[in-house]
N, C-alpha and C. Protein backbone atom coordinates (compact mmCIF):
# COMPACT_ATOMS: atom_id res chain seq x y z
N UNK A 1 0.85 -1.18 0.00
CA UNK A 1 0.00 0.00 0.00
C UNK A 1 0.88 1.23 0.00
N UNK A 2 0.53 2.15 -0.83
CA UNK A 2 1.16 3.47 -0.81
C UNK A 2 0.34 4.30 0.17
N UNK A 3 0.84 4.43 1.40
CA UNK A 3 0.08 5.10 2.45
C UNK A 3 -0.38 6.49 2.05
N UNK A 4 0.52 7.26 1.48
CA UNK A 4 0.16 8.64 1.12
C UNK A 4 -0.97 8.66 0.10
N UNK A 5 -0.91 7.78 -0.90
CA UNK A 5 -1.96 7.73 -1.93
C UNK A 5 -3.28 7.28 -1.33
N UNK A 6 -3.24 6.30 -0.43
CA UNK A 6 -4.46 5.83 0.20
C UNK A 6 -5.08 6.91 1.07
N UNK A 7 -4.26 7.59 1.83
CA UNK A 7 -4.77 8.67 2.69
C UNK A 7 -5.40 9.77 1.85
N UNK A 8 -4.75 10.11 0.75
CA UNK A 8 -5.31 11.14 -0.14
C UNK A 8 -6.65 10.67 -0.73
N UNK A 9 -6.71 9.42 -1.17
CA UNK A 9 -7.95 8.89 -1.75
C UNK A 9 -9.07 8.88 -0.71
N UNK A 10 -8.74 8.55 0.52
CA UNK A 10 -9.74 8.57 1.59
C UNK A 10 -10.22 9.99 1.87
N UNK A 11 -9.28 10.91 1.94
CA UNK A 11 -9.65 12.31 2.22
C UNK A 11 -10.52 12.89 1.12
N UNK A 12 -10.25 12.53 -0.13
CA UNK A 12 -11.00 13.08 -1.27
C UNK A 12 -12.25 12.26 -1.58
N UNK A 13 -12.49 11.18 -0.83
CA UNK A 13 -13.68 10.38 -1.05
C UNK A 13 -13.63 9.53 -2.31
N UNK A 14 -12.44 9.30 -2.86
CA UNK A 14 -12.32 8.49 -4.07
C UNK A 14 -12.53 7.01 -3.81
N UNK A 15 -12.38 6.60 -2.56
CA UNK A 15 -12.69 5.22 -2.17
C UNK A 15 -13.57 5.28 -0.93
N UNK A 16 -14.34 4.22 -0.74
CA UNK A 16 -15.31 4.22 0.34
C UNK A 16 -14.74 3.88 1.70
N UNK A 17 -13.56 3.27 1.72
CA UNK A 17 -12.97 2.90 2.99
C UNK A 17 -11.83 1.93 2.79
N UNK A 18 -11.24 1.50 3.88
CA UNK A 18 -10.12 0.57 3.81
C UNK A 18 -10.08 -0.26 5.09
N UNK A 19 -9.64 -1.50 4.95
CA UNK A 19 -9.39 -2.38 6.10
C UNK A 19 -7.96 -2.86 5.96
N UNK A 20 -7.13 -2.57 6.93
CA UNK A 20 -5.69 -2.81 6.82
C UNK A 20 -5.17 -3.56 8.04
N UNK A 21 -4.22 -4.48 7.79
CA UNK A 21 -3.57 -5.13 8.94
C UNK A 21 -2.06 -5.26 8.77
N UNK A 22 -1.51 -4.65 7.73
CA UNK A 22 -0.06 -4.62 7.52
C UNK A 22 0.30 -3.19 7.14
N UNK A 23 1.39 -2.71 7.70
CA UNK A 23 1.76 -1.31 7.48
C UNK A 23 3.25 -1.18 7.23
N UNK A 24 3.64 -0.11 6.55
CA UNK A 24 5.05 0.15 6.29
C UNK A 24 5.81 0.33 7.60
N UNK A 25 5.19 0.96 8.56
CA UNK A 25 5.76 1.15 9.90
C UNK A 25 4.88 0.40 10.88
N UNK A 26 5.48 -0.54 11.59
CA UNK A 26 4.69 -1.31 12.55
C UNK A 26 5.34 -1.25 13.92
N UNK A 27 4.60 -1.02 14.95
CA UNK A 27 3.18 -0.68 14.92
C UNK A 27 2.99 0.75 14.44
N UNK A 28 1.77 1.05 14.03
CA UNK A 28 1.47 2.41 13.61
C UNK A 28 1.60 3.35 14.81
N UNK A 29 2.16 4.52 14.60
CA UNK A 29 2.21 5.48 15.71
C UNK A 29 0.78 5.95 16.04
N UNK A 30 0.53 6.29 17.29
CA UNK A 30 -0.84 6.67 17.71
C UNK A 30 -1.42 7.85 16.95
N UNK A 31 -0.58 8.69 16.37
CA UNK A 31 -1.08 9.86 15.64
C UNK A 31 -1.18 9.63 14.13
N UNK A 32 -1.11 8.38 13.69
CA UNK A 32 -1.17 8.09 12.26
C UNK A 32 -2.52 8.51 11.69
N UNK A 33 -2.54 9.09 10.48
CA UNK A 33 -3.79 9.55 9.88
C UNK A 33 -4.87 8.48 9.75
N UNK A 34 -4.51 7.21 9.60
CA UNK A 34 -5.53 6.17 9.48
C UNK A 34 -6.50 6.19 10.65
N UNK A 35 -6.00 6.53 11.83
CA UNK A 35 -6.85 6.53 13.01
C UNK A 35 -7.88 7.65 13.01
N UNK A 36 -7.74 8.60 12.10
CA UNK A 36 -8.67 9.73 12.04
C UNK A 36 -9.86 9.51 11.12
N UNK A 37 -9.91 8.37 10.46
CA UNK A 37 -11.01 8.10 9.52
C UNK A 37 -12.03 7.16 10.14
N UNK A 38 -13.31 7.49 9.98
CA UNK A 38 -14.38 6.60 10.44
C UNK A 38 -14.55 5.39 9.52
N UNK A 39 -14.05 5.49 8.30
CA UNK A 39 -14.24 4.42 7.31
C UNK A 39 -12.97 3.58 7.10
N UNK A 40 -12.09 3.57 8.09
CA UNK A 40 -10.87 2.77 8.03
C UNK A 40 -10.84 1.84 9.24
N UNK A 41 -10.63 0.57 8.96
CA UNK A 41 -10.47 -0.43 10.02
C UNK A 41 -8.99 -0.80 10.06
N UNK A 42 -8.39 -0.68 11.23
CA UNK A 42 -6.98 -0.98 11.42
C UNK A 42 -6.88 -2.09 12.47
N UNK A 43 -6.20 -3.18 12.10
CA UNK A 43 -6.02 -4.28 13.04
C UNK A 43 -4.54 -4.65 13.06
N UNK A 44 -4.10 -5.31 14.13
CA UNK A 44 -2.72 -5.80 14.12
C UNK A 44 -2.59 -6.91 13.08
N UNK A 45 -1.39 -7.23 12.70
CA UNK A 45 -1.18 -8.22 11.64
C UNK A 45 -1.48 -9.63 12.18
N UNK A 46 -2.67 -9.77 12.67
CA UNK A 46 -3.12 -11.07 13.16
C UNK A 46 -4.63 -11.12 13.17
N UNK A 47 -5.25 -10.36 12.31
CA UNK A 47 -6.70 -10.26 12.29
C UNK A 47 -7.37 -11.61 12.03
N UNK A 48 -6.71 -12.49 11.28
CA UNK A 48 -7.30 -13.78 10.97
C UNK A 48 -6.94 -14.88 11.94
N UNK A 49 -6.23 -14.54 13.01
CA UNK A 49 -5.80 -15.55 13.96
C UNK A 49 -6.93 -15.82 14.96
N UNK A 50 -7.51 -16.99 14.83
CA UNK A 50 -8.55 -17.44 15.76
C UNK A 50 -8.10 -18.78 16.31
N UNK A 51 -8.79 -19.26 17.30
CA UNK A 51 -8.47 -20.57 17.85
C UNK A 51 -8.58 -21.65 16.76
N UNK A 52 -9.62 -21.52 15.93
CA UNK A 52 -9.83 -22.50 14.86
C UNK A 52 -8.74 -22.42 13.80
N UNK A 53 -8.35 -21.21 13.42
CA UNK A 53 -7.32 -21.09 12.38
C UNK A 53 -5.97 -21.59 12.89
N UNK A 54 -5.68 -21.35 14.16
CA UNK A 54 -4.43 -21.86 14.73
C UNK A 54 -4.42 -23.39 14.74
N UNK A 55 -5.56 -24.00 15.04
CA UNK A 55 -5.65 -25.46 15.03
C UNK A 55 -5.45 -25.98 13.61
N UNK A 56 -6.09 -25.33 12.63
CA UNK A 56 -5.93 -25.76 11.23
C UNK A 56 -4.48 -25.65 10.78
N UNK A 57 -3.81 -24.57 11.17
CA UNK A 57 -2.41 -24.40 10.78
C UNK A 57 -1.53 -25.47 11.41
N UNK A 58 -1.75 -25.76 12.69
CA UNK A 58 -0.95 -26.76 13.37
C UNK A 58 -1.16 -28.15 12.79
N UNK A 59 -2.42 -28.52 12.59
CA UNK A 59 -2.73 -29.84 12.01
C UNK A 59 -2.20 -29.93 10.59
N UNK A 60 -2.35 -28.85 9.83
CA UNK A 60 -1.85 -28.84 8.45
C UNK A 60 -0.34 -29.01 8.39
N UNK A 61 0.38 -28.31 9.27
CA UNK A 61 1.84 -28.43 9.30
C UNK A 61 2.26 -29.84 9.68
N UNK A 62 1.56 -30.42 10.67
CA UNK A 62 1.88 -31.79 11.08
C UNK A 62 1.61 -32.77 9.94
N UNK A 63 0.50 -32.61 9.24
CA UNK A 63 0.19 -33.50 8.12
C UNK A 63 1.23 -33.38 7.00
N UNK A 64 1.68 -32.18 6.73
CA UNK A 64 2.71 -31.98 5.71
C UNK A 64 4.01 -32.68 6.13
N UNK A 65 4.37 -32.55 7.40
CA UNK A 65 5.58 -33.21 7.89
C UNK A 65 5.45 -34.72 7.77
N UNK A 66 4.30 -35.27 8.09
CA UNK A 66 4.09 -36.72 7.96
C UNK A 66 4.24 -37.18 6.51
N UNK A 67 3.74 -36.38 5.57
CA UNK A 67 3.90 -36.73 4.16
C UNK A 67 5.37 -36.78 3.77
N UNK A 68 6.12 -35.76 4.16
CA UNK A 68 7.54 -35.70 3.82
C UNK A 68 8.28 -36.87 4.46
N UNK A 69 7.96 -37.19 5.71
CA UNK A 69 8.61 -38.32 6.38
C UNK A 69 8.26 -39.66 5.72
N UNK A 70 7.13 -39.70 5.03
CA UNK A 70 6.72 -40.92 4.32
C UNK A 70 7.21 -40.89 2.87
N UNK A 71 8.19 -40.01 2.57
CA UNK A 71 8.76 -39.87 1.22
C UNK A 71 7.73 -39.47 0.17
N UNK A 72 6.73 -38.70 0.59
CA UNK A 72 5.73 -38.17 -0.33
C UNK A 72 5.91 -36.67 -0.43
N UNK A 73 5.34 -36.10 -1.46
CA UNK A 73 5.43 -34.65 -1.62
C UNK A 73 4.35 -33.97 -0.79
N UNK A 74 4.67 -32.82 -0.23
CA UNK A 74 3.67 -32.10 0.56
C UNK A 74 2.51 -31.61 -0.32
N UNK A 75 1.34 -31.55 0.26
CA UNK A 75 0.15 -31.07 -0.44
C UNK A 75 0.34 -29.63 -0.89
N UNK A 76 0.96 -28.83 -0.04
CA UNK A 76 1.11 -27.41 -0.32
C UNK A 76 2.45 -27.06 -0.96
N UNK A 77 2.97 -27.95 -1.77
CA UNK A 77 4.21 -27.69 -2.49
C UNK A 77 4.03 -26.48 -3.40
N UNK A 78 4.92 -25.52 -3.31
CA UNK A 78 4.77 -24.28 -4.08
C UNK A 78 5.85 -24.08 -5.14
N UNK A 79 6.82 -24.97 -5.21
CA UNK A 79 7.85 -24.81 -6.23
C UNK A 79 8.17 -26.18 -6.84
N UNK A 80 7.25 -26.68 -7.67
CA UNK A 80 7.42 -28.01 -8.25
C UNK A 80 8.67 -28.15 -9.12
N UNK A 81 9.24 -27.06 -9.54
CA UNK A 81 10.45 -27.12 -10.37
C UNK A 81 11.64 -27.70 -9.61
N UNK A 82 11.56 -27.82 -8.30
CA UNK A 82 12.68 -28.35 -7.52
C UNK A 82 12.48 -29.82 -7.12
N UNK A 83 11.41 -30.44 -7.57
CA UNK A 83 11.12 -31.82 -7.15
C UNK A 83 12.27 -32.75 -7.52
N UNK A 84 12.78 -32.67 -8.73
CA UNK A 84 13.88 -33.57 -9.13
C UNK A 84 15.10 -33.37 -8.23
N UNK A 85 15.45 -32.12 -7.97
CA UNK A 85 16.58 -31.84 -7.08
C UNK A 85 16.30 -32.38 -5.68
N UNK A 86 15.10 -32.18 -5.19
CA UNK A 86 14.71 -32.66 -3.86
C UNK A 86 14.84 -34.18 -3.79
N UNK A 87 14.36 -34.87 -4.82
CA UNK A 87 14.42 -36.34 -4.82
C UNK A 87 15.87 -36.84 -4.87
N UNK A 88 16.75 -36.12 -5.59
CA UNK A 88 18.16 -36.52 -5.62
C UNK A 88 18.82 -36.29 -4.26
N UNK A 89 18.47 -35.18 -3.62
CA UNK A 89 19.10 -34.85 -2.34
C UNK A 89 18.56 -35.71 -1.21
N UNK A 90 17.28 -36.03 -1.27
CA UNK A 90 16.65 -36.83 -0.22
C UNK A 90 15.99 -38.07 -0.83
N UNK A 91 16.81 -39.04 -1.24
CA UNK A 91 16.22 -40.23 -1.87
C UNK A 91 15.34 -41.00 -0.89
N UNK A 92 14.37 -41.74 -1.46
CA UNK A 92 13.46 -42.54 -0.63
C UNK A 92 14.27 -43.56 0.16
N UNK A 93 13.77 -43.92 1.31
CA UNK A 93 14.46 -44.89 2.17
C UNK A 93 14.47 -46.26 1.55
């Protein structure tokens, strides 16, 4: 987010509002302009952290680890281009 551009857009009414949880400066200083708008929601960078989401993350991480320990690829593999290298470095038991 370009803070200055967003603040200007909010002041001029070019956008209806904003909901933010990540900032260039963290934490935001108490006098930051975002706090002066009624149509801006500001949360710490953990707005989505609930008891349920933490449980899902923990179970998901454990399941991924079990897959890797069983010489399988993780469900959430994000760089398939390295599979061949991975298999050479960590051959199946």
